[in-house]
Amino acid sequence: MNNKRLAANSLLLLVAAIWGFAFVAQRTGANYVGAFSFNGIRFGIGSISLVPLIVFFDKRKKKEKKYDVGFKKSILPGIIVGLILYAGASLQQIGLMYTTAGKASFITGLYVVLVPIIGILLRHKIEKNAWLGVIISVVGLYLLSVNENFSIAYGDLLEIIGAVFWAIHILAIDYFSDKIDALKLSCIQFATCSILSLMTSAIFEQTTLSGVSQALVPILYGGILSVGVAYTLQVVAQKNAKPSHAAIILSMESVFGALGGVILLGETMSIRGYIGCMFIFLGIILSQIKFSEDNNFK
């Protein structure tokens, strides 16, 4: 492994850590403000934080005389993806009011396994390893979330439904990313999610200035670090990282989310729960490893 690739992988691990600990920030923020208020402010900050990055890359493209798609063609796709993001983020944040950061991080991570399954509807080719990942992850989800009465906790159920929307979100981004600038798409989708969340908050929640001030650190973490900084690092790192390696490293987000819950929030799980997390993580990894005909993985 050369130095550039090692540096890229290290940056991706940092991104995974930032995203993982974001579950702690979201769980903490849920104690002070409503889910829609939190997401509205968070994604608003996130959208604004991407503007300097967009300006920087636009200037570079002008110097290199590269063709670029402007904001106009990004608006409709950005709104569509933003609607999906709004659904996924809302379910995740509401779910965090009723479950732990650790459980939420692993359940949300199931979107990696769900992407190829939902892709069947779009006639995508499904690899054998994806099916293996699904089976193992379902076993893990059962151990983690289904109790002795064969029922699922309300918060966990919301996170599971949210994971479906995160998977649809990934597929939507994949569809539009080849057609428009990824950063502009992200900026518009974050703005869309922010506006929809704030509108919903105005109808269903009573947000106070004191509540926002108490949740300010988690909100800033979610908006600036989780969106602005982490997204920038991901863009930089993936220039020198193998896509297969990047996907696996970013999957560590679930592990960091669980660690953050234990270290910062004092969360605990049963032995059965930890085993379930291990199964889910194994399923996520297996779903991303492509095996060649000579049984070597790529």
Protein backbone atom coordinates (compact mmCIF):
# COMPACT_ATOMS: atom_id res chain seq x y z
CA MET A 1 0.00 0.00 0.00
CA ASN A 2 1.53 3.34 -1.06
CA ASN A 3 1.56 6.45 1.11
CA LYS A 4 -1.25 8.18 -0.83
CA ARG A 5 -3.58 5.22 -0.42
CA LEU A 6 -2.67 4.87 3.27
CA ALA A 7 -3.41 8.57 3.82
CA ALA A 8 -6.71 8.24 1.93
CA ASN A 9 -7.78 5.22 3.99
CA SER A 10 -6.85 7.07 7.19
CA LEU A 11 -9.02 10.03 6.15
CA LEU A 12 -11.92 7.69 5.38
CA LEU A 13 -11.56 6.13 8.83
CA LEU A 14 -11.75 9.64 10.30
CA VAL A 15 -14.92 10.26 8.25
CA ALA A 16 -16.43 7.03 9.62
CA ALA A 17 -15.57 8.16 13.16
CA ILE A 18 -17.18 11.59 12.63
CA TRP A 19 -20.34 10.01 11.22
CA GLY A 20 -20.42 7.37 13.95
CA PHE A 21 -20.13 9.87 16.78
CA ALA A 22 -22.83 11.94 15.06
CA PHE A 23 -25.30 9.40 16.47
CA VAL A 24 -24.22 10.50 19.94
CA ALA A 25 -24.72 14.15 18.97
CA GLN A 26 -28.17 13.37 17.56
CA ARG A 27 -29.16 11.34 20.63
CA THR A 28 -28.03 14.18 22.91
CA GLY A 29 -29.76 16.83 20.81
CA ALA A 30 -33.02 14.86 21.03
CA ASN A 31 -33.12 15.67 24.76
CA TYR A 32 -33.51 19.40 24.10
CA VAL A 33 -35.23 19.98 20.74
CA GLY A 34 -37.68 18.10 18.54
CA ALA A 35 -36.50 15.85 15.74
CA PHE A 36 -37.62 18.20 12.97
CA SER A 37 -36.11 21.29 14.62
CA PHE A 38 -32.80 19.48 15.05
CA ASN A 39 -32.70 18.29 11.44
CA GLY A 40 -33.92 21.62 10.07
CA ILE A 41 -31.11 23.59 11.69
CA ARG A 42 -28.52 20.85 11.20
CA PHE A 43 -29.07 20.38 7.47
CA GLY A 44 -29.40 24.13 6.96
CA ILE A 45 -25.92 24.56 8.43
CA GLY A 46 -24.73 21.56 6.39
CA SER A 47 -26.00 23.08 3.15
CA ILE A 48 -24.29 26.40 3.85
CA SER A 49 -21.05 24.65 4.85
CA LEU A 50 -20.80 23.11 1.36
CA VAL A 51 -20.95 26.48 -0.43
CA PRO A 52 -17.20 27.27 0.02
CA LEU A 53 -16.36 23.82 -1.35
CA ILE A 54 -18.60 24.38 -4.38
CA VAL A 55 -17.02 27.79 -5.05
CA PHE A 56 -13.52 26.28 -4.76
CA PHE A 57 -14.19 23.46 -7.23
CA ASP A 58 -16.03 25.79 -9.64
CA LYS A 59 -13.00 28.08 -9.77
CA ARG A 60 -10.73 25.09 -10.39
CA LYS A 61 -12.97 23.84 -13.21
CA LYS A 62 -12.95 27.27 -14.85
CA LYS A 63 -9.16 27.32 -14.77
CA GLU A 64 -8.98 23.82 -16.22
CA LYS A 65 -11.76 24.73 -18.69
CA LYS A 66 -13.82 21.71 -17.67
CA TYR A 67 -17.51 21.53 -18.50
CA ASP A 68 -19.71 21.94 -15.45
CA VAL A 69 -23.42 21.57 -14.84
CA GLY A 70 -24.85 24.66 -13.13
CA PHE A 71 -27.27 24.89 -10.24
CA LYS A 72 -30.39 25.06 -12.46
CA LYS A 73 -30.10 21.47 -13.66
CA SER A 74 -29.37 20.35 -10.11
CA ILE A 75 -32.53 21.83 -8.56
CA LEU A 76 -35.14 19.18 -9.45
CA PRO A 77 -32.86 16.16 -8.73
CA GLY A 78 -31.75 17.88 -5.51
CA ILE A 79 -35.36 18.34 -4.40
CA ILE A 80 -36.21 14.70 -5.21
CA VAL A 81 -33.21 13.38 -3.28
CA GLY A 82 -33.91 15.91 -0.52
CA LEU A 83 -37.42 14.52 -0.06
CA ILE A 84 -35.98 11.03 0.43
CA LEU A 85 -33.33 12.41 2.79
CA TYR A 86 -36.08 14.18 4.77
CA ALA A 87 -37.92 10.88 5.26
CA GLY A 88 -34.79 8.94 6.28
CA ALA A 89 -33.38 11.64 8.55
CA SER A 90 -36.74 12.27 10.25
CA LEU A 91 -37.29 8.59 11.01
CA GLN A 92 -33.73 8.27 12.28
CA GLN A 93 -33.93 11.30 14.56
CA ILE A 94 -37.38 10.40 15.96
CA GLY A 95 -36.18 6.82 16.46
CA LEU A 96 -33.21 8.08 18.48
CA MET A 97 -35.67 9.46 21.02
CA TYR A 98 -36.70 5.87 21.81
CA THR A 99 -33.54 3.82 21.27
CA THR A 100 -29.80 4.05 21.92
CA ALA A 101 -27.15 5.61 19.68
CA GLY A 102 -25.39 2.24 19.44
CA LYS A 103 -28.44 0.31 18.26
CA ALA A 104 -29.44 3.10 15.88
CA SER A 105 -26.00 3.16 14.26
CA PHE A 106 -26.00 -0.58 13.52
CA ILE A 107 -29.63 -0.68 12.34
CA THR A 108 -29.04 2.33 10.08
CA GLY A 109 -25.96 0.57 8.69
CA LEU A 110 -28.31 -2.02 7.20
CA TYR A 111 -28.87 0.37 4.28
CA VAL A 112 -25.63 -1.01 2.81
CA VAL A 113 -27.20 -4.47 2.69
CA LEU A 114 -30.59 -3.17 1.50
CA VAL A 115 -29.21 -1.22 -1.49
CA PRO A 116 -28.62 -4.28 -3.72
CA ILE A 117 -31.93 -5.83 -2.66
CA ILE A 118 -33.94 -2.73 -3.56
CA GLY A 119 -31.80 -2.54 -6.70
CA ILE A 120 -33.61 -5.67 -7.92
CA LEU A 121 -36.62 -3.46 -8.68
CA LEU A 122 -34.34 -1.41 -10.93
CA ARG A 123 -33.06 -4.60 -12.60
CA HIS A 124 -29.62 -4.30 -11.04
CA LYS A 125 -27.47 -7.42 -10.97
CA ILE A 126 -27.23 -8.90 -7.47
CA GLU A 127 -24.03 -10.65 -6.41
CA LYS A 128 -24.12 -13.82 -4.29
CA ASN A 129 -22.26 -12.08 -1.49
CA ALA A 130 -25.10 -9.55 -1.20
CA TRP A 131 -27.60 -12.32 -0.43
CA LEU A 132 -25.22 -13.80 2.15
CA GLY A 133 -24.88 -10.36 3.73
CA VAL A 134 -28.68 -10.02 3.91
CA ILE A 135 -29.15 -13.38 5.63
CA ILE A 136 -26.46 -12.72 8.23
CA SER A 137 -27.70 -9.16 8.84
CA VAL A 138 -31.30 -10.32 9.34
CA VAL A 139 -30.07 -12.78 11.99
CA GLY A 140 -28.16 -9.93 13.62
CA LEU A 141 -31.19 -7.63 13.51
CA TYR A 142 -33.30 -10.34 15.16
CA LEU A 143 -30.78 -10.73 17.99
CA LEU A 144 -30.43 -6.97 18.41
CA SER A 145 -34.03 -5.75 18.19
CA VAL A 146 -36.54 -8.60 18.64
CA ASN A 147 -37.30 -9.33 22.29
CA GLU A 148 -38.58 -12.44 24.05
CA ASN A 149 -42.18 -11.58 23.10
CA PHE A 150 -41.21 -11.46 19.41
CA SER A 151 -41.92 -7.73 19.24
CA ILE A 152 -39.68 -4.89 18.07
CA ALA A 153 -39.14 -1.74 20.12
CA TYR A 154 -40.77 1.37 18.62
CA GLY A 155 -37.46 3.23 18.21
CA ASP A 156 -35.80 0.25 16.52
CA LEU A 157 -38.75 -0.10 14.13
CA LEU A 158 -38.42 3.54 13.08
CA GLU A 159 -34.69 3.04 12.49
CA ILE A 160 -35.40 -0.05 10.33
CA ILE A 161 -37.89 1.87 8.17
CA GLY A 162 -35.38 4.71 8.06
CA ALA A 163 -32.69 2.32 6.79
CA VAL A 164 -34.97 1.50 3.84
CA PHE A 165 -35.16 5.20 2.97
CA TRP A 166 -31.36 5.54 3.35
CA ALA A 167 -30.96 2.70 0.84
CA ILE A 168 -33.38 4.41 -1.58
CA HIS A 169 -31.43 7.63 -0.99
CA ILE A 170 -28.16 5.94 -2.03
CA LEU A 171 -29.78 4.57 -5.21
CA ALA A 172 -31.22 8.00 -6.05
CA ILE A 173 -27.82 9.66 -5.63
CA ASP A 174 -26.24 6.93 -7.75
CA TYR A 175 -28.80 7.62 -10.50
CA PHE A 176 -28.29 11.40 -10.54
CA SER A 177 -24.55 11.61 -9.73
CA ASP A 178 -23.45 10.84 -13.29
CA LYS A 179 -25.69 13.57 -14.65
CA ILE A 180 -25.01 16.51 -12.33
CA ASP A 181 -22.35 17.85 -9.97
CA ALA A 182 -22.33 15.83 -6.74
CA LEU A 183 -21.59 18.80 -4.48
CA LYS A 184 -24.38 20.93 -5.95
CA LEU A 185 -26.76 17.98 -5.63
CA SER A 186 -25.80 17.58 -1.97
CA CYS A 187 -26.15 21.30 -1.22
CA ILE A 188 -29.67 21.41 -2.69
CA GLN A 189 -30.79 18.16 -1.05
CA PHE A 190 -29.59 19.38 2.36
CA ALA A 191 -31.39 22.71 1.82
CA THR A 192 -34.57 20.87 0.79
CA CYS A 193 -34.42 18.62 3.85
CA SER A 194 -33.79 21.66 6.06
CA ILE A 195 -36.78 23.61 4.69
CA LEU A 196 -39.15 20.63 4.95
CA SER A 197 -37.96 19.85 8.49
CA LEU A 198 -38.41 23.45 9.65
CA MET A 199 -41.89 23.59 8.08
CA THR A 200 -42.86 20.36 9.85
CA SER A 201 -41.36 21.66 13.09
CA ALA A 202 -43.45 24.84 12.86
CA ILE A 203 -46.62 22.72 12.64
CA PHE A 204 -45.95 19.92 15.13
CA GLU A 205 -43.25 21.15 17.53
CA GLN A 206 -42.74 23.97 19.98
CA THR A 207 -39.11 24.96 19.65
CA THR A 208 -37.64 27.31 22.25
CA LEU A 209 -34.49 29.39 22.08
CA SER A 210 -33.26 27.83 25.32
CA GLY A 211 -33.74 24.34 23.86
CA VAL A 212 -31.77 25.25 20.74
CA SER A 213 -29.00 26.82 22.83
CA GLN A 214 -28.73 23.65 24.94
CA ALA A 215 -28.57 21.52 21.79
CA LEU A 216 -26.20 23.92 20.01
CA VAL A 217 -23.08 21.75 20.27
CA PRO A 218 -24.81 18.60 18.91
CA ILE A 219 -26.45 20.70 16.15
CA LEU A 220 -23.13 22.28 15.14
CA TYR A 221 -21.45 18.88 15.21
CA GLY A 222 -24.15 17.42 12.97
CA GLY A 223 -24.13 20.38 10.60
CA ILE A 224 -20.48 21.38 10.32
CA LEU A 225 -18.47 18.26 11.21
CA SER A 226 -20.84 15.51 10.03
CA VAL A 227 -21.79 17.28 6.79
CA GLY A 228 -19.26 19.97 5.85
CA VAL A 229 -15.98 18.54 7.15
CA ALA A 230 -16.72 14.82 6.71
CA TYR A 231 -18.13 15.26 3.21
CA THR A 232 -15.08 17.30 2.17
CA LEU A 233 -12.69 14.69 3.57
CA GLN A 234 -14.62 11.93 1.78
CA VAL A 235 -14.35 13.75 -1.58
CA VAL A 236 -10.61 14.27 -1.08
CA ALA A 237 -9.90 10.75 0.20
CA GLN A 238 -11.82 8.81 -2.44
CA LYS A 239 -9.57 10.20 -5.17
CA ASN A 240 -6.81 7.86 -3.96
CA ALA A 241 -8.79 5.06 -2.30
CA LYS A 242 -10.17 1.92 -3.90
CA PRO A 243 -14.00 2.06 -3.96
CA SER A 244 -14.27 -1.40 -2.39
CA HIS A 245 -11.88 -0.41 0.40
CA ALA A 246 -13.68 2.92 0.91
CA ALA A 247 -17.06 1.22 1.35
CA ILE A 248 -15.71 -1.20 3.95
CA ILE A 249 -13.85 1.50 5.90
CA LEU A 250 -16.93 3.77 5.94
CA SER A 251 -18.92 0.84 7.34
CA MET A 252 -16.96 1.36 10.56
CA GLU A 253 -19.44 4.19 11.18
CA SER A 254 -21.63 1.63 12.97
CA VAL A 255 -18.81 0.57 15.27
CA PHE A 256 -17.89 4.17 16.14
CA GLY A 257 -21.56 4.91 16.82
CA ALA A 258 -21.72 2.06 19.32
CA LEU A 259 -18.40 3.06 20.91
CA GLY A 260 -19.58 6.65 21.22
CA GLY A 261 -22.77 5.49 22.91
CA VAL A 262 -20.81 3.44 25.44
CA ILE A 263 -18.05 5.99 26.15
CA LEU A 264 -19.98 9.27 26.08
CA LEU A 265 -23.54 8.25 26.99
CA GLY A 266 -22.87 5.23 29.20
CA GLU A 267 -25.09 3.01 27.04
CA THR A 268 -25.07 -0.74 27.52
CA MET A 269 -26.46 -3.73 25.65
CA SER A 270 -27.09 -7.33 26.53
CA ILE A 271 -24.68 -10.01 25.32
CA ARG A 272 -27.35 -10.96 22.80
CA GLY A 273 -27.43 -7.36 21.56
CA TYR A 274 -23.65 -7.21 21.09
CA ILE A 275 -23.72 -10.52 19.19
CA GLY A 276 -26.47 -9.07 17.00
CA CYS A 277 -24.28 -6.03 16.26
CA MET A 278 -21.43 -8.35 15.27
CA PHE A 279 -23.70 -10.25 12.87
CA ILE A 280 -24.99 -7.03 11.30
CA PHE A 281 -21.46 -5.69 10.85
CA LEU A 282 -20.30 -9.00 9.34
CA GLY A 283 -23.26 -8.90 6.96
CA ILE A 284 -22.41 -5.33 5.93
CA ILE A 285 -18.79 -6.26 5.21
CA LEU A 286 -19.68 -9.44 3.29
CA SER A 287 -22.19 -7.56 1.15
CA GLN A 288 -19.37 -5.30 -0.08
CA ILE A 289 -16.62 -7.85 -0.75
CA LYS A 290 -16.62 -9.06 -4.33
CA PHE A 291 -15.22 -12.54 -4.82
CA SER A 292 -13.62 -13.43 -8.13
CA GLU A 293 -13.81 -16.85 -9.77
CA ASP A 294 -10.51 -17.93 -8.22
CA ASN A 295 -11.98 -17.19 -4.73
CA ASN A 296 -9.86 -14.08 -4.20
CA PHE A 297 -11.71 -11.03 -2.94
CA LYS A 298 -11.36 -7.60 -4.46
